[in-house]
Amino acid sequence: MILDWFDTKDVDALADRLASDLVKRVPPSNVDAQGKKAAAKQHKIREAILRQVRDFTSKHPLNVYKKARLANRFKWALREAGYPQVLVDEMAFELATLMATTKRGST
């Protein structure tokens, strides 16, 4: 059905959940933390977010509109939370790239 093409309820829920998880685990004030431990934690969380997106996109067919919606909603949630613009752009780009390269049915 054509209206399913624009149904972004699941995509919006995923974007909100990913952003709130990131805010909870690495608040914007802790992004600039120095040291190997902080960098390792941030990398681990980034990988967890990307894994969730990979799992979601492998099970749900996302058209171009839904992919853009997910990346954009996630990006704006991070911006509104106060994350540095560089981090926001990197995360949104990684998320969009992952969605573009993940095939349905592959995990």
N, C-alpha and C. Protein backbone atom coordinates (compact mmCIF):
# COMPACT_ATOMS: atom_id res chain seq x y z
N MET A 1 0.84 -1.17 0.00
CA MET A 1 0.00 0.00 0.00
C MET A 1 0.89 1.24 0.00
N ILE A 2 0.48 2.25 -0.71
CA ILE A 2 1.27 3.47 -0.87
C ILE A 2 1.46 4.21 0.46
N LEU A 3 0.46 4.14 1.33
CA LEU A 3 0.59 4.86 2.60
C LEU A 3 1.64 4.23 3.51
N ASP A 4 1.91 2.95 3.35
CA ASP A 4 2.97 2.30 4.13
C ASP A 4 4.33 2.91 3.83
N TRP A 5 4.48 3.44 2.65
CA TRP A 5 5.74 4.05 2.25
C TRP A 5 6.09 5.21 3.16
N PHE A 6 5.07 5.90 3.65
CA PHE A 6 5.28 7.08 4.50
C PHE A 6 5.09 6.79 5.99
N ASP A 7 4.79 5.56 6.35
CA ASP A 7 4.58 5.21 7.75
C ASP A 7 5.94 5.09 8.45
N THR A 8 6.25 6.09 9.28
CA THR A 8 7.57 6.13 9.93
C THR A 8 7.50 5.90 11.43
N LYS A 9 6.40 5.34 11.90
CA LYS A 9 6.23 5.13 13.34
C LYS A 9 7.38 4.32 13.94
N ASP A 10 7.72 3.20 13.30
CA ASP A 10 8.80 2.35 13.82
C ASP A 10 10.16 3.03 13.70
N VAL A 11 10.37 3.73 12.61
CA VAL A 11 11.64 4.43 12.38
C VAL A 11 11.82 5.55 13.40
N ASP A 12 10.74 6.29 13.65
CA ASP A 12 10.81 7.37 14.63
C ASP A 12 11.09 6.83 16.03
N ALA A 13 10.45 5.73 16.38
CA ALA A 13 10.68 5.11 17.69
C ALA A 13 12.13 4.65 17.83
N LEU A 14 12.68 4.07 16.77
CA LEU A 14 14.08 3.64 16.81
C LEU A 14 15.02 4.84 16.98
N ALA A 15 14.81 5.88 16.21
CA ALA A 15 15.67 7.07 16.30
C ALA A 15 15.61 7.68 17.70
N ASP A 16 14.42 7.77 18.26
CA ASP A 16 14.27 8.33 19.61
C ASP A 16 14.95 7.45 20.65
N ARG A 17 14.79 6.13 20.49
CA ARG A 17 15.40 5.20 21.43
C ARG A 17 16.93 5.26 21.36
N LEU A 18 17.47 5.33 20.16
CA LEU A 18 18.92 5.41 19.99
C LEU A 18 19.47 6.69 20.61
N ALA A 19 18.81 7.80 20.35
CA ALA A 19 19.27 9.08 20.89
C ALA A 19 19.19 9.11 22.41
N SER A 20 18.08 8.62 22.97
CA SER A 20 17.96 8.64 24.43
C SER A 20 18.97 7.70 25.08
N ASP A 21 19.26 6.58 24.42
CA ASP A 21 20.26 5.66 24.94
C ASP A 21 21.64 6.32 24.95
N LEU A 22 21.97 7.02 23.88
CA LEU A 22 23.26 7.71 23.81
C LEU A 22 23.35 8.80 24.88
N VAL A 23 22.29 9.57 25.04
CA VAL A 23 22.29 10.65 26.05
C VAL A 23 22.46 10.07 27.45
N LYS A 24 21.82 8.94 27.70
CA LYS A 24 21.90 8.30 29.01
C LYS A 24 23.30 7.76 29.28
N ARG A 25 23.90 7.14 28.27
CA ARG A 25 25.19 6.47 28.46
C ARG A 25 26.38 7.40 28.34
N VAL A 26 26.29 8.40 27.46
CA VAL A 26 27.37 9.39 27.30
C VAL A 26 26.70 10.76 27.17
N PRO A 27 26.48 11.43 28.29
CA PRO A 27 25.86 12.76 28.23
C PRO A 27 26.73 13.72 27.41
N PRO A 28 26.12 14.72 26.80
CA PRO A 28 26.87 15.68 25.99
C PRO A 28 28.06 16.31 26.74
N SER A 29 27.92 16.47 28.03
CA SER A 29 29.00 17.07 28.82
C SER A 29 30.21 16.15 28.93
N ASN A 30 30.04 14.85 28.70
CA ASN A 30 31.13 13.89 28.83
C ASN A 30 31.79 13.53 27.50
N VAL A 31 31.33 14.12 26.42
CA VAL A 31 31.84 13.78 25.09
C VAL A 31 33.30 14.15 24.95
N ASP A 32 33.70 15.24 25.53
CA ASP A 32 35.08 15.70 25.39
C ASP A 32 36.02 15.08 26.42
N ALA A 33 35.56 14.07 27.13
CA ALA A 33 36.40 13.42 28.13
C ALA A 33 37.63 12.81 27.45
N GLN A 34 38.75 12.93 28.09
CA GLN A 34 40.02 12.46 27.55
C GLN A 34 40.37 11.10 28.13
N GLY A 35 41.26 10.42 27.47
CA GLY A 35 41.78 9.16 27.98
C GLY A 35 41.30 7.96 27.19
N LYS A 36 42.04 6.88 27.36
CA LYS A 36 41.72 5.65 26.63
C LYS A 36 40.40 5.06 27.09
N LYS A 37 40.13 5.15 28.37
CA LYS A 37 38.91 4.57 28.92
C LYS A 37 37.68 5.27 28.35
N ALA A 38 37.70 6.59 28.30
CA ALA A 38 36.58 7.35 27.76
C ALA A 38 36.40 7.08 26.26
N ALA A 39 37.50 7.01 25.54
CA ALA A 39 37.43 6.74 24.10
C ALA A 39 36.90 5.33 23.84
N ALA A 40 37.31 4.38 24.64
CA ALA A 40 36.85 3.01 24.47
C ALA A 40 35.35 2.91 24.76
N LYS A 41 34.90 3.62 25.78
CA LYS A 41 33.47 3.60 26.13
C LYS A 41 32.65 4.22 25.00
N GLN A 42 33.10 5.35 24.47
CA GLN A 42 32.39 6.00 23.38
C GLN A 42 32.35 5.11 22.14
N HIS A 43 33.44 4.44 21.85
CA HIS A 43 33.49 3.54 20.69
C HIS A 43 32.52 2.38 20.89
N LYS A 44 32.48 1.82 22.08
CA LYS A 44 31.60 0.70 22.40
C LYS A 44 30.14 1.11 22.24
N ILE A 45 29.80 2.27 22.70
CA ILE A 45 28.42 2.76 22.60
C ILE A 45 28.06 3.03 21.15
N ARG A 46 28.98 3.62 20.41
CA ARG A 46 28.75 3.89 18.98
C ARG A 46 28.50 2.59 18.23
N GLU A 47 29.30 1.57 18.52
CA GLU A 47 29.11 0.26 17.89
C GLU A 47 27.77 -0.36 18.27
N ALA A 48 27.35 -0.18 19.52
CA ALA A 48 26.05 -0.72 19.96
C ALA A 48 24.91 -0.06 19.21
N ILE A 49 25.01 1.24 19.00
CA ILE A 49 23.98 1.96 18.25
C ILE A 49 23.93 1.47 16.82
N LEU A 50 25.08 1.35 16.20
CA LEU A 50 25.13 0.89 14.81
C LEU A 50 24.65 -0.56 14.69
N ARG A 51 24.91 -1.37 15.69
CA ARG A 51 24.43 -2.76 15.68
C ARG A 51 22.90 -2.79 15.72
N GLN A 52 22.31 -1.93 16.55
CA GLN A 52 20.85 -1.87 16.63
C GLN A 52 20.25 -1.44 15.29
N VAL A 53 20.89 -0.50 14.63
CA VAL A 53 20.40 -0.05 13.32
C VAL A 53 20.56 -1.16 12.30
N ARG A 54 21.68 -1.85 12.33
CA ARG A 54 21.92 -2.95 11.40
C ARG A 54 20.87 -4.04 11.59
N ASP A 55 20.58 -4.38 12.84
CA ASP A 55 19.57 -5.40 13.12
C ASP A 55 18.19 -4.96 12.63
N PHE A 56 17.86 -3.71 12.88
CA PHE A 56 16.56 -3.18 12.47
C PHE A 56 16.42 -3.18 10.95
N THR A 57 17.44 -2.68 10.27
CA THR A 57 17.34 -2.58 8.81
C THR A 57 17.41 -3.94 8.12
N SER A 58 17.99 -4.92 8.78
CA SER A 58 18.02 -6.25 8.17
C SER A 58 16.66 -6.94 8.27
N LYS A 59 15.82 -6.50 9.20
CA LYS A 59 14.51 -7.12 9.39
C LYS A 59 13.35 -6.30 8.82
N HIS A 60 13.57 -5.02 8.63
CA HIS A 60 12.51 -4.13 8.14
C HIS A 60 12.94 -3.48 6.82
N PRO A 61 12.13 -3.60 5.81
CA PRO A 61 12.48 -2.93 4.56
C PRO A 61 12.32 -1.42 4.71
N LEU A 62 13.39 -0.70 4.48
CA LEU A 62 13.34 0.76 4.58
C LEU A 62 13.52 1.37 3.20
N ASN A 63 12.56 2.17 2.82
CA ASN A 63 12.70 2.89 1.55
C ASN A 63 13.57 4.12 1.79
N VAL A 64 13.82 4.84 0.75
CA VAL A 64 14.71 6.00 0.84
C VAL A 64 14.16 7.05 1.81
N TYR A 65 12.86 7.23 1.83
CA TYR A 65 12.24 8.20 2.73
C TYR A 65 12.46 7.80 4.19
N LYS A 66 12.25 6.53 4.51
CA LYS A 66 12.41 6.07 5.89
C LYS A 66 13.86 6.13 6.35
N LYS A 67 14.79 5.82 5.45
CA LYS A 67 16.21 5.92 5.79
C LYS A 67 16.59 7.36 6.10
N ALA A 68 16.12 8.27 5.26
CA ALA A 68 16.42 9.69 5.48
C ALA A 68 15.77 10.17 6.77
N ARG A 69 14.57 9.73 7.02
CA ARG A 69 13.84 10.13 8.22
C ARG A 69 14.58 9.67 9.47
N LEU A 70 15.04 8.42 9.47
CA LEU A 70 15.76 7.89 10.62
C LEU A 70 17.05 8.67 10.89
N ALA A 71 17.84 8.87 9.85
CA ALA A 71 19.10 9.60 10.02
C ALA A 71 18.85 11.04 10.46
N ASN A 72 17.85 11.67 9.87
CA ASN A 72 17.57 13.07 10.20
C ASN A 72 17.01 13.23 11.61
N ARG A 73 16.10 12.35 11.99
CA ARG A 73 15.52 12.44 13.33
C ARG A 73 16.59 12.18 14.40
N PHE A 74 17.45 11.21 14.15
CA PHE A 74 18.54 10.91 15.08
C PHE A 74 19.49 12.11 15.18
N LYS A 75 19.82 12.68 14.03
CA LYS A 75 20.72 13.82 14.00
C LYS A 75 20.15 15.00 14.80
N TRP A 76 18.88 15.31 14.59
CA TRP A 76 18.28 16.44 15.30
C TRP A 76 18.13 16.17 16.78
N ALA A 77 17.89 14.94 17.15
CA ALA A 77 17.80 14.61 18.58
C ALA A 77 19.14 14.84 19.26
N LEU A 78 20.22 14.47 18.58
CA LEU A 78 21.55 14.70 19.15
C LEU A 78 21.88 16.19 19.22
N ARG A 79 21.50 16.93 18.18
CA ARG A 79 21.76 18.38 18.19
C ARG A 79 21.00 19.04 19.34
N GLU A 80 19.74 18.67 19.51
CA GLU A 80 18.93 19.26 20.57
C GLU A 80 19.44 18.87 21.95
N ALA A 81 20.07 17.71 22.05
CA ALA A 81 20.63 17.28 23.34
C ALA A 81 21.89 18.05 23.69
N GLY A 82 22.51 18.70 22.69
CA GLY A 82 23.68 19.51 22.96
C GLY A 82 25.01 18.89 22.59
N TYR A 83 25.00 17.85 21.78
CA TYR A 83 26.25 17.24 21.34
C TYR A 83 26.96 18.16 20.36
N PRO A 84 28.30 18.09 20.31
CA PRO A 84 29.06 18.90 19.35
C PRO A 84 28.66 18.56 17.91
N GLN A 85 28.64 19.57 17.07
CA GLN A 85 28.21 19.41 15.68
C GLN A 85 29.03 18.35 14.94
N VAL A 86 30.31 18.28 15.22
CA VAL A 86 31.17 17.31 14.55
C VAL A 86 30.71 15.88 14.87
N LEU A 87 30.44 15.61 16.13
CA LEU A 87 29.98 14.29 16.55
C LEU A 87 28.63 13.97 15.92
N VAL A 88 27.74 14.94 15.93
CA VAL A 88 26.40 14.76 15.35
C VAL A 88 26.50 14.39 13.88
N ASP A 89 27.31 15.13 13.14
CA ASP A 89 27.48 14.85 11.71
C ASP A 89 28.10 13.48 11.46
N GLU A 90 29.10 13.13 12.27
CA GLU A 90 29.75 11.82 12.12
C GLU A 90 28.76 10.68 12.36
N MET A 91 28.00 10.79 13.45
CA MET A 91 27.04 9.74 13.79
C MET A 91 25.96 9.62 12.72
N ALA A 92 25.43 10.73 12.26
CA ALA A 92 24.38 10.69 11.24
C ALA A 92 24.92 10.11 9.94
N PHE A 93 26.14 10.45 9.58
CA PHE A 93 26.75 9.92 8.37
C PHE A 93 26.97 8.41 8.48
N GLU A 94 27.49 7.96 9.62
CA GLU A 94 27.70 6.53 9.83
C GLU A 94 26.38 5.77 9.77
N LEU A 95 25.36 6.33 10.40
CA LEU A 95 24.06 5.69 10.41
C LEU A 95 23.49 5.59 8.99
N ALA A 96 23.56 6.67 8.22
CA ALA A 96 23.06 6.66 6.85
C ALA A 96 23.85 5.70 5.97
N THR A 97 25.15 5.67 6.13
CA THR A 97 25.99 4.76 5.35
C THR A 97 25.66 3.32 5.67
N LEU A 98 25.48 3.03 6.94
CA LEU A 98 25.14 1.67 7.35
C LEU A 98 23.80 1.24 6.74
N MET A 99 22.82 2.11 6.80
CA MET A 99 21.51 1.76 6.24
C MET A 99 21.59 1.55 4.73
N ALA A 100 22.42 2.31 4.08
CA ALA A 100 22.54 2.18 2.62
C ALA A 100 23.23 0.88 2.23
N THR A 101 24.05 0.34 3.10
CA THR A 101 24.82 -0.85 2.75
C THR A 101 24.28 -2.15 3.35
N THR A 102 23.31 -2.04 4.28
CA THR A 102 22.75 -3.24 4.91
C THR A 102 21.64 -3.79 4.02
N LYS A 103 21.75 -5.05 3.70
CA LYS A 103 20.73 -5.71 2.89
C LYS A 103 19.73 -6.39 3.82
N ARG A 104 18.49 -6.40 3.40
CA ARG A 104 17.45 -7.05 4.20
C ARG A 104 17.73 -8.54 4.28
N GLY A 105 17.64 -9.08 5.50
CA GLY A 105 17.87 -10.50 5.69
C GLY A 105 19.30 -10.85 6.07
N SER A 106 20.21 -9.87 6.05
CA SER A 106 21.59 -10.14 6.45
C SER A 106 21.85 -9.60 7.84
N THR A 107 22.52 -10.37 8.66
CA THR A 107 22.85 -9.91 10.02
C THR A 107 24.30 -10.09 10.31
